[in-house]
Amino acid sequence: HSLKYIPYKYRKEFMKDLKKVYQALTLKEAELAFEQFKGKWGKKYPIIIRSWEKNWDELTAYFKYPYEMRRIIYTTNTIEGYHRQLRKVTKNKTSYPSDEALIKIIYLARMDISKKWTMPIRNWKKCFSQIAIYFEDRLEEELAI
């Protein structure tokens, strides 16, 4: 969201500084990194700083999880790609005869999309063990495979 306010030529440098905030190992480190980030970019892009300050609790909620889990939480490329593929299937037809028809279309699209998922998530086994600890009541044994 923050990048929409940054000219293209500053995006690499901006993201390098912002990554220090959300990739910090602890919340304290993230707060220090944000202060440095704020000092560097605050005068030039105050709207971004206000947005981060206003939403700080929500943006840093994932620090209660171990680092391995946080990487998956803040890496959204997989989710964005999945949504893009669903939109491809649903955008051409703007109305459906029933909700069930839409559900069937999405289900079939999901089946096709999942066939293409061949890249494993880095450190998945380590991450999955952490997920199993935090969310043991939500997981089924088959997911561990």
N, C-alpha and C. Protein backbone atom coordinates (compact mmCIF):
# COMPACT_ATOMS: atom_id res chain seq x y z
N HIS A 1 0.82 -1.19 0.00
CA HIS A 1 0.00 0.00 0.00
C HIS A 1 0.87 1.27 0.00
N SER A 2 1.95 1.22 0.74
CA SER A 2 2.82 2.40 0.85
C SER A 2 3.45 2.79 -0.47
N LEU A 3 3.71 1.81 -1.33
CA LEU A 3 4.41 2.09 -2.59
C LEU A 3 3.62 2.96 -3.55
N LYS A 4 2.31 3.03 -3.39
CA LYS A 4 1.54 3.83 -4.34
C LYS A 4 1.85 5.32 -4.23
N TYR A 5 2.50 5.73 -3.17
CA TYR A 5 2.85 7.14 -2.98
C TYR A 5 4.30 7.44 -3.36
N ILE A 6 5.06 6.42 -3.75
CA ILE A 6 6.49 6.57 -4.00
C ILE A 6 6.77 6.54 -5.50
N PRO A 7 7.50 7.54 -6.01
CA PRO A 7 7.90 7.51 -7.42
C PRO A 7 8.77 6.28 -7.68
N TYR A 8 8.69 5.78 -8.88
CA TYR A 8 9.38 4.54 -9.24
C TYR A 8 10.87 4.57 -8.91
N LYS A 9 11.53 5.70 -9.17
CA LYS A 9 12.98 5.76 -9.00
C LYS A 9 13.43 5.64 -7.53
N TYR A 10 12.51 5.83 -6.56
CA TYR A 10 12.85 5.71 -5.14
C TYR A 10 12.37 4.39 -4.52
N ARG A 11 11.66 3.59 -5.26
CA ARG A 11 11.02 2.40 -4.68
C ARG A 11 12.01 1.39 -4.12
N LYS A 12 13.11 1.13 -4.82
CA LYS A 12 14.09 0.15 -4.32
C LYS A 12 14.66 0.58 -2.98
N GLU A 13 15.08 1.82 -2.90
CA GLU A 13 15.66 2.34 -1.67
C GLU A 13 14.62 2.36 -0.55
N PHE A 14 13.40 2.79 -0.90
CA PHE A 14 12.31 2.85 0.07
C PHE A 14 12.02 1.45 0.63
N MET A 15 11.90 0.46 -0.25
CA MET A 15 11.59 -0.90 0.19
C MET A 15 12.73 -1.50 1.01
N LYS A 16 13.95 -1.16 0.67
CA LYS A 16 15.09 -1.64 1.44
C LYS A 16 14.98 -1.17 2.89
N ASP A 17 14.61 0.09 3.06
CA ASP A 17 14.44 0.65 4.41
C ASP A 17 13.21 0.09 5.11
N LEU A 18 12.13 -0.09 4.38
CA LEU A 18 10.89 -0.60 4.97
C LEU A 18 11.03 -2.06 5.39
N LYS A 19 11.80 -2.83 4.62
CA LYS A 19 12.02 -4.24 4.97
C LYS A 19 12.69 -4.38 6.33
N LYS A 20 13.52 -3.41 6.69
CA LYS A 20 14.17 -3.45 8.00
C LYS A 20 13.14 -3.39 9.12
N VAL A 21 11.99 -2.80 8.83
CA VAL A 21 10.92 -2.71 9.83
C VAL A 21 10.20 -4.05 9.94
N TYR A 22 9.65 -4.54 8.84
CA TYR A 22 8.81 -5.72 8.96
C TYR A 22 9.59 -7.04 8.97
N GLN A 23 10.90 -6.99 8.67
CA GLN A 23 11.70 -8.21 8.77
C GLN A 23 12.54 -8.24 10.04
N ALA A 24 12.31 -7.31 10.93
CA ALA A 24 13.05 -7.29 12.19
C ALA A 24 12.75 -8.56 12.98
N LEU A 25 13.69 -8.95 13.81
CA LEU A 25 13.51 -10.18 14.59
C LEU A 25 12.57 -10.00 15.77
N THR A 26 12.55 -8.80 16.33
CA THR A 26 11.67 -8.54 17.47
C THR A 26 10.89 -7.25 17.24
N LEU A 27 9.86 -7.07 18.03
CA LEU A 27 9.06 -5.85 17.93
C LEU A 27 9.90 -4.62 18.29
N LYS A 28 10.78 -4.76 19.27
CA LYS A 28 11.66 -3.64 19.65
C LYS A 28 12.55 -3.22 18.48
N GLU A 29 13.13 -4.20 17.80
CA GLU A 29 13.96 -3.90 16.63
C GLU A 29 13.13 -3.24 15.53
N ALA A 30 11.89 -3.69 15.37
CA ALA A 30 11.01 -3.09 14.36
C ALA A 30 10.71 -1.64 14.71
N GLU A 31 10.49 -1.36 16.00
CA GLU A 31 10.23 0.02 16.42
C GLU A 31 11.43 0.91 16.16
N LEU A 32 12.63 0.41 16.44
CA LEU A 32 13.85 1.19 16.16
C LEU A 32 14.02 1.41 14.66
N ALA A 33 13.79 0.37 13.88
CA ALA A 33 13.91 0.49 12.43
C ALA A 33 12.88 1.46 11.88
N PHE A 34 11.68 1.45 12.47
CA PHE A 34 10.65 2.39 12.02
C PHE A 34 11.04 3.83 12.34
N GLU A 35 11.66 4.05 13.48
CA GLU A 35 12.11 5.41 13.82
C GLU A 35 13.14 5.89 12.81
N GLN A 36 14.06 5.02 12.41
CA GLN A 36 15.04 5.38 11.39
C GLN A 36 14.36 5.62 10.05
N PHE A 37 13.42 4.76 9.72
CA PHE A 37 12.66 4.89 8.48
C PHE A 37 11.91 6.22 8.47
N LYS A 38 11.29 6.52 9.59
CA LYS A 38 10.52 7.77 9.75
C LYS A 38 11.43 8.99 9.60
N GLY A 39 12.63 8.91 10.18
CA GLY A 39 13.58 10.01 10.06
C GLY A 39 14.00 10.27 8.63
N LYS A 40 14.17 9.21 7.87
CA LYS A 40 14.63 9.34 6.49
C LYS A 40 13.52 9.75 5.54
N TRP A 41 12.32 9.15 5.69
CA TRP A 41 11.26 9.33 4.70
C TRP A 41 10.09 10.20 5.20
N GLY A 42 10.06 10.52 6.47
CA GLY A 42 8.91 11.20 7.07
C GLY A 42 8.57 12.56 6.49
N LYS A 43 9.58 13.37 6.23
CA LYS A 43 9.31 14.71 5.70
C LYS A 43 8.86 14.66 4.25
N LYS A 44 9.42 13.71 3.51
CA LYS A 44 9.10 13.61 2.09
C LYS A 44 7.74 12.95 1.84
N TYR A 45 7.39 11.96 2.67
CA TYR A 45 6.15 11.21 2.50
C TYR A 45 5.41 11.05 3.82
N PRO A 46 4.91 12.14 4.38
CA PRO A 46 4.26 12.06 5.70
C PRO A 46 3.00 11.21 5.72
N ILE A 47 2.31 11.10 4.59
CA ILE A 47 1.08 10.30 4.55
C ILE A 47 1.38 8.82 4.83
N ILE A 48 2.53 8.34 4.37
CA ILE A 48 2.91 6.95 4.62
C ILE A 48 3.22 6.74 6.10
N ILE A 49 3.96 7.66 6.66
CA ILE A 49 4.31 7.56 8.08
C ILE A 49 3.05 7.60 8.94
N ARG A 50 2.13 8.52 8.63
CA ARG A 50 0.87 8.58 9.40
C ARG A 50 0.10 7.27 9.31
N SER A 51 0.07 6.69 8.12
CA SER A 51 -0.64 5.44 7.92
C SER A 51 -0.02 4.33 8.76
N TRP A 52 1.31 4.24 8.75
CA TRP A 52 1.98 3.21 9.54
C TRP A 52 1.77 3.46 11.03
N GLU A 53 1.84 4.70 11.47
CA GLU A 53 1.63 4.99 12.89
C GLU A 53 0.20 4.68 13.32
N LYS A 54 -0.74 5.05 12.50
CA LYS A 54 -2.15 4.83 12.80
C LYS A 54 -2.47 3.33 12.89
N ASN A 55 -1.83 2.54 12.05
CA ASN A 55 -2.12 1.10 11.98
C ASN A 55 -1.02 0.23 12.59
N TRP A 56 -0.17 0.82 13.41
CA TRP A 56 0.99 0.11 13.94
C TRP A 56 0.62 -1.19 14.64
N ASP A 57 -0.40 -1.18 15.48
CA ASP A 57 -0.78 -2.40 16.21
C ASP A 57 -1.16 -3.53 15.27
N GLU A 58 -1.92 -3.20 14.22
CA GLU A 58 -2.32 -4.22 13.25
C GLU A 58 -1.13 -4.68 12.41
N LEU A 59 -0.28 -3.74 12.01
CA LEU A 59 0.85 -4.06 11.15
C LEU A 59 1.92 -4.88 11.86
N THR A 60 1.97 -4.79 13.16
CA THR A 60 3.01 -5.51 13.91
C THR A 60 2.46 -6.68 14.72
N ALA A 61 1.20 -7.00 14.53
CA ALA A 61 0.59 -8.11 15.29
C ALA A 61 1.30 -9.43 15.04
N TYR A 62 1.88 -9.59 13.87
CA TYR A 62 2.52 -10.86 13.54
C TYR A 62 3.83 -11.07 14.29
N PHE A 63 4.33 -10.09 15.03
CA PHE A 63 5.56 -10.27 15.80
C PHE A 63 5.38 -11.22 16.97
N LYS A 64 4.15 -11.58 17.28
CA LYS A 64 3.94 -12.56 18.36
C LYS A 64 4.24 -13.98 17.88
N TYR A 65 4.46 -14.16 16.58
CA TYR A 65 4.77 -15.46 16.02
C TYR A 65 6.27 -15.58 15.76
N PRO A 66 6.78 -16.82 15.68
CA PRO A 66 8.21 -17.02 15.37
C PRO A 66 8.53 -16.51 13.96
N TYR A 67 9.80 -16.25 13.74
CA TYR A 67 10.26 -15.67 12.48
C TYR A 67 9.83 -16.49 11.27
N GLU A 68 9.92 -17.82 11.34
CA GLU A 68 9.57 -18.67 10.20
C GLU A 68 8.12 -18.44 9.77
N MET A 69 7.24 -18.32 10.74
CA MET A 69 5.82 -18.08 10.43
C MET A 69 5.61 -16.68 9.87
N ARG A 70 6.34 -15.73 10.41
CA ARG A 70 6.17 -14.33 9.94
C ARG A 70 6.54 -14.20 8.48
N ARG A 71 7.56 -14.92 8.04
CA ARG A 71 7.95 -14.85 6.61
C ARG A 71 6.78 -15.23 5.72
N ILE A 72 6.06 -16.25 6.10
CA ILE A 72 4.91 -16.67 5.30
C ILE A 72 3.79 -15.65 5.40
N ILE A 73 3.62 -15.06 6.56
CA ILE A 73 2.55 -14.08 6.75
C ILE A 73 2.77 -12.84 5.89
N TYR A 74 3.99 -12.29 5.88
CA TYR A 74 4.19 -11.05 5.11
C TYR A 74 4.57 -11.27 3.66
N THR A 75 4.76 -12.50 3.25
CA THR A 75 5.01 -12.79 1.84
C THR A 75 3.69 -13.13 1.19
N THR A 76 3.13 -12.22 0.43
CA THR A 76 1.78 -12.40 -0.09
C THR A 76 1.74 -12.75 -1.57
N ASN A 77 2.89 -12.95 -2.20
CA ASN A 77 2.89 -13.23 -3.64
C ASN A 77 2.04 -14.43 -4.00
N THR A 78 2.09 -15.48 -3.20
CA THR A 78 1.31 -16.69 -3.48
C THR A 78 -0.17 -16.37 -3.45
N ILE A 79 -0.59 -15.64 -2.45
CA ILE A 79 -2.00 -15.30 -2.30
C ILE A 79 -2.45 -14.39 -3.44
N GLU A 80 -1.62 -13.40 -3.77
CA GLU A 80 -1.97 -12.50 -4.86
C GLU A 80 -2.08 -13.24 -6.19
N GLY A 81 -1.17 -14.18 -6.43
CA GLY A 81 -1.22 -14.97 -7.66
C GLY A 81 -2.48 -15.82 -7.72
N TYR A 82 -2.84 -16.40 -6.61
CA TYR A 82 -4.05 -17.22 -6.53
C TYR A 82 -5.29 -16.37 -6.84
N HIS A 83 -5.37 -15.21 -6.23
CA HIS A 83 -6.51 -14.31 -6.48
C HIS A 83 -6.55 -13.84 -7.94
N ARG A 84 -5.38 -13.57 -8.51
CA ARG A 84 -5.32 -13.15 -9.91
C ARG A 84 -5.89 -14.24 -10.82
N GLN A 85 -5.53 -15.49 -10.53
CA GLN A 85 -6.03 -16.59 -11.36
C GLN A 85 -7.54 -16.78 -11.17
N LEU A 86 -8.04 -16.58 -9.97
CA LEU A 86 -9.50 -16.66 -9.76
C LEU A 86 -10.22 -15.53 -10.51
N ARG A 87 -9.63 -14.33 -10.48
CA ARG A 87 -10.24 -13.21 -11.20
C ARG A 87 -10.30 -13.48 -12.70
N LYS A 88 -9.26 -14.13 -13.24
CA LYS A 88 -9.25 -14.47 -14.67
C LYS A 88 -10.47 -15.30 -15.03
N VAL A 89 -10.82 -16.22 -14.16
CA VAL A 89 -11.94 -17.12 -14.42
C VAL A 89 -13.28 -16.41 -14.26
N THR A 90 -13.38 -15.52 -13.29
CA THR A 90 -14.68 -14.91 -12.98
C THR A 90 -14.94 -13.57 -13.67
N LYS A 91 -13.91 -12.92 -14.20
CA LYS A 91 -14.12 -11.56 -14.73
C LYS A 91 -14.94 -11.52 -16.01
N ASN A 92 -14.87 -12.55 -16.82
CA ASN A 92 -15.57 -12.53 -18.10
C ASN A 92 -17.08 -12.64 -17.96
N LYS A 93 -17.51 -13.27 -16.92
CA LYS A 93 -18.95 -13.43 -16.70
C LYS A 93 -19.32 -12.62 -15.47
N THR A 94 -20.14 -11.61 -15.64
CA THR A 94 -20.43 -10.71 -14.53
C THR A 94 -21.63 -11.15 -13.68
N SER A 95 -22.45 -12.06 -14.20
CA SER A 95 -23.56 -12.55 -13.38
C SER A 95 -23.67 -14.06 -13.54
N TYR A 96 -24.14 -14.69 -12.51
CA TYR A 96 -24.27 -16.14 -12.48
C TYR A 96 -25.71 -16.49 -12.13
N PRO A 97 -26.22 -17.60 -12.65
CA PRO A 97 -27.62 -17.96 -12.40
C PRO A 97 -27.91 -18.20 -10.92
N SER A 98 -26.87 -18.63 -10.18
CA SER A 98 -27.08 -18.86 -8.74
C SER A 98 -25.72 -18.80 -8.04
N ASP A 99 -25.77 -18.72 -6.72
CA ASP A 99 -24.53 -18.73 -5.94
C ASP A 99 -23.80 -20.06 -6.13
N GLU A 100 -24.57 -21.11 -6.27
CA GLU A 100 -23.98 -22.44 -6.45
C GLU A 100 -23.17 -22.51 -7.74
N ALA A 101 -23.64 -21.85 -8.79
CA ALA A 101 -22.91 -21.83 -10.06
C ALA A 101 -21.55 -21.16 -9.89
N LEU A 102 -21.53 -20.06 -9.17
CA LEU A 102 -20.27 -19.35 -8.91
C LEU A 102 -19.34 -20.22 -8.07
N ILE A 103 -19.87 -20.87 -7.06
CA ILE A 103 -19.06 -21.74 -6.22
C ILE A 103 -18.44 -22.87 -7.03
N LYS A 104 -19.20 -23.43 -7.96
CA LYS A 104 -18.68 -24.50 -8.81
C LYS A 104 -17.54 -24.00 -9.69
N ILE A 105 -17.72 -22.82 -10.28
CA ILE A 105 -16.69 -22.23 -11.13
C ILE A 105 -15.41 -22.02 -10.32
N ILE A 106 -15.55 -21.47 -9.14
CA ILE A 106 -14.38 -21.21 -8.28
C ILE A 106 -13.73 -22.52 -7.87
N TYR A 107 -14.53 -23.51 -7.54
CA TYR A 107 -13.99 -24.82 -7.16
C TYR A 107 -13.17 -25.43 -8.30
N LEU A 108 -13.72 -25.41 -9.49
CA LEU A 108 -12.99 -25.98 -10.64
C LEU A 108 -11.71 -25.20 -10.93
N ALA A 109 -11.79 -23.88 -10.80
CA ALA A 109 -10.59 -23.05 -11.00
C ALA A 109 -9.54 -23.40 -9.95
N ARG A 110 -9.97 -23.57 -8.72
CA ARG A 110 -9.04 -23.91 -7.64
C ARG A 110 -8.35 -25.24 -7.92
N MET A 111 -9.09 -26.19 -8.45
CA MET A 111 -8.51 -27.50 -8.77
C MET A 111 -7.43 -27.34 -9.85
N ASP A 112 -7.69 -26.52 -10.87
CA ASP A 112 -6.70 -26.29 -11.93
C ASP A 112 -5.49 -25.53 -11.39
N ILE A 113 -5.74 -24.54 -10.56
CA ILE A 113 -4.65 -23.73 -10.00
C ILE A 113 -3.74 -24.59 -9.14
N SER A 114 -4.32 -25.45 -8.34
CA SER A 114 -3.51 -26.25 -7.41
C SER A 114 -2.60 -27.24 -8.15
N LYS A 115 -2.94 -27.60 -9.37
CA LYS A 115 -2.06 -28.49 -10.16
C LYS A 115 -0.73 -27.81 -10.49
N LYS A 116 -0.74 -26.49 -10.54
CA LYS A 116 0.46 -25.74 -10.91
C LYS A 116 1.36 -25.44 -9.71
N TRP A 117 0.90 -25.72 -8.50
CA TRP A 117 1.70 -25.44 -7.30
C TRP A 117 2.76 -26.51 -7.13
N THR A 118 3.94 -26.22 -7.62
CA THR A 118 5.02 -27.20 -7.55
C THR A 118 6.18 -26.71 -6.70
N MET A 119 6.27 -25.43 -6.47
CA MET A 119 7.38 -24.88 -5.68
C MET A 119 7.06 -25.01 -4.19
N PRO A 120 7.92 -25.70 -3.45
CA PRO A 120 7.68 -25.79 -2.01
C PRO A 120 8.00 -24.47 -1.32
N ILE A 121 7.37 -24.25 -0.21
CA ILE A 121 7.65 -23.05 0.59
C ILE A 121 8.96 -23.29 1.34
N ARG A 122 9.83 -22.31 1.28
CA ARG A 122 11.13 -22.42 1.94
C ARG A 122 10.95 -22.64 3.44
N ASN A 123 11.68 -23.60 3.99
CA ASN A 123 11.63 -23.95 5.42
C ASN A 123 10.24 -24.37 5.88
N TRP A 124 9.48 -25.00 4.98
CA TRP A 124 8.09 -25.34 5.32
C TRP A 124 8.00 -26.26 6.53
N LYS A 125 8.86 -27.27 6.62
CA LYS A 125 8.76 -28.23 7.72
C LYS A 125 8.97 -27.54 9.07
N LYS A 126 9.93 -26.66 9.12
CA LYS A 126 10.18 -25.91 10.36
C LYS A 126 9.00 -25.00 10.67
N CYS A 127 8.51 -24.35 9.63
CA CYS A 127 7.38 -23.45 9.80
C CYS A 127 6.13 -24.23 10.21
N PHE A 128 5.91 -25.37 9.58
CA PHE A 128 4.71 -26.14 9.89
C PHE A 128 4.71 -26.60 11.34
N SER A 129 5.87 -26.94 11.85
CA SER A 129 5.91 -27.35 13.26
C SER A 129 5.51 -26.20 14.18
N GLN A 130 5.89 -24.97 13.81
CA GLN A 130 5.48 -23.80 14.58
C GLN A 130 3.97 -23.56 14.45
N ILE A 131 3.46 -23.73 13.25
CA ILE A 131 2.02 -23.57 13.02
C ILE A 131 1.24 -24.59 13.85
N ALA A 132 1.76 -25.82 13.90
CA ALA A 132 1.10 -26.87 14.67
C ALA A 132 1.05 -26.54 16.15
N ILE A 133 2.05 -25.85 16.66
CA ILE A 133 2.05 -25.44 18.07
C ILE A 133 1.02 -24.33 18.30
N TYR A 134 1.03 -23.31 17.47
CA TYR A 134 0.15 -22.17 17.66
C TYR A 134 -1.31 -22.45 17.31
N PHE A 135 -1.53 -23.32 16.34
CA PHE A 135 -2.89 -23.55 15.86
C PHE A 135 -3.26 -25.03 15.87
N GLU A 136 -2.85 -25.74 16.90
CA GLU A 136 -3.07 -27.19 16.92
C GLU A 136 -4.55 -27.56 16.84
N ASP A 137 -5.42 -26.73 17.36
CA ASP A 137 -6.85 -27.03 17.33
C ASP A 137 -7.46 -26.84 15.94
N ARG A 138 -6.73 -26.21 15.02
CA ARG A 138 -7.27 -25.94 13.68
C ARG A 138 -6.72 -26.86 12.60
N LEU A 139 -5.69 -27.62 12.91
CA LEU A 139 -5.02 -28.42 11.88
C LEU A 139 -5.48 -29.86 11.88
N GLU A 140 -5.46 -30.42 10.70
CA GLU A 140 -5.72 -31.84 10.53
C GLU A 140 -4.38 -32.53 10.27
N GLU A 141 -4.27 -33.78 10.61
CA GLU A 141 -3.00 -34.50 10.43
C GLU A 141 -2.56 -34.57 8.99
N GLU A 142 -3.51 -34.62 8.04
CA GLU A 142 -3.13 -34.74 6.62
C GLU A 142 -2.31 -33.55 6.15
N LEU A 143 -2.45 -32.39 6.77
CA LEU A 143 -1.71 -31.22 6.34
C LEU A 143 -0.22 -31.35 6.58
N ALA A 144 0.18 -32.21 7.45
CA ALA A 144 1.59 -32.34 7.80
C ALA A 144 2.41 -32.98 6.68
N ILE A 145 1.76 -33.61 5.75
CA ILE A 145 2.47 -34.32 4.68
C ILE A 145 3.15 -33.38 3.74
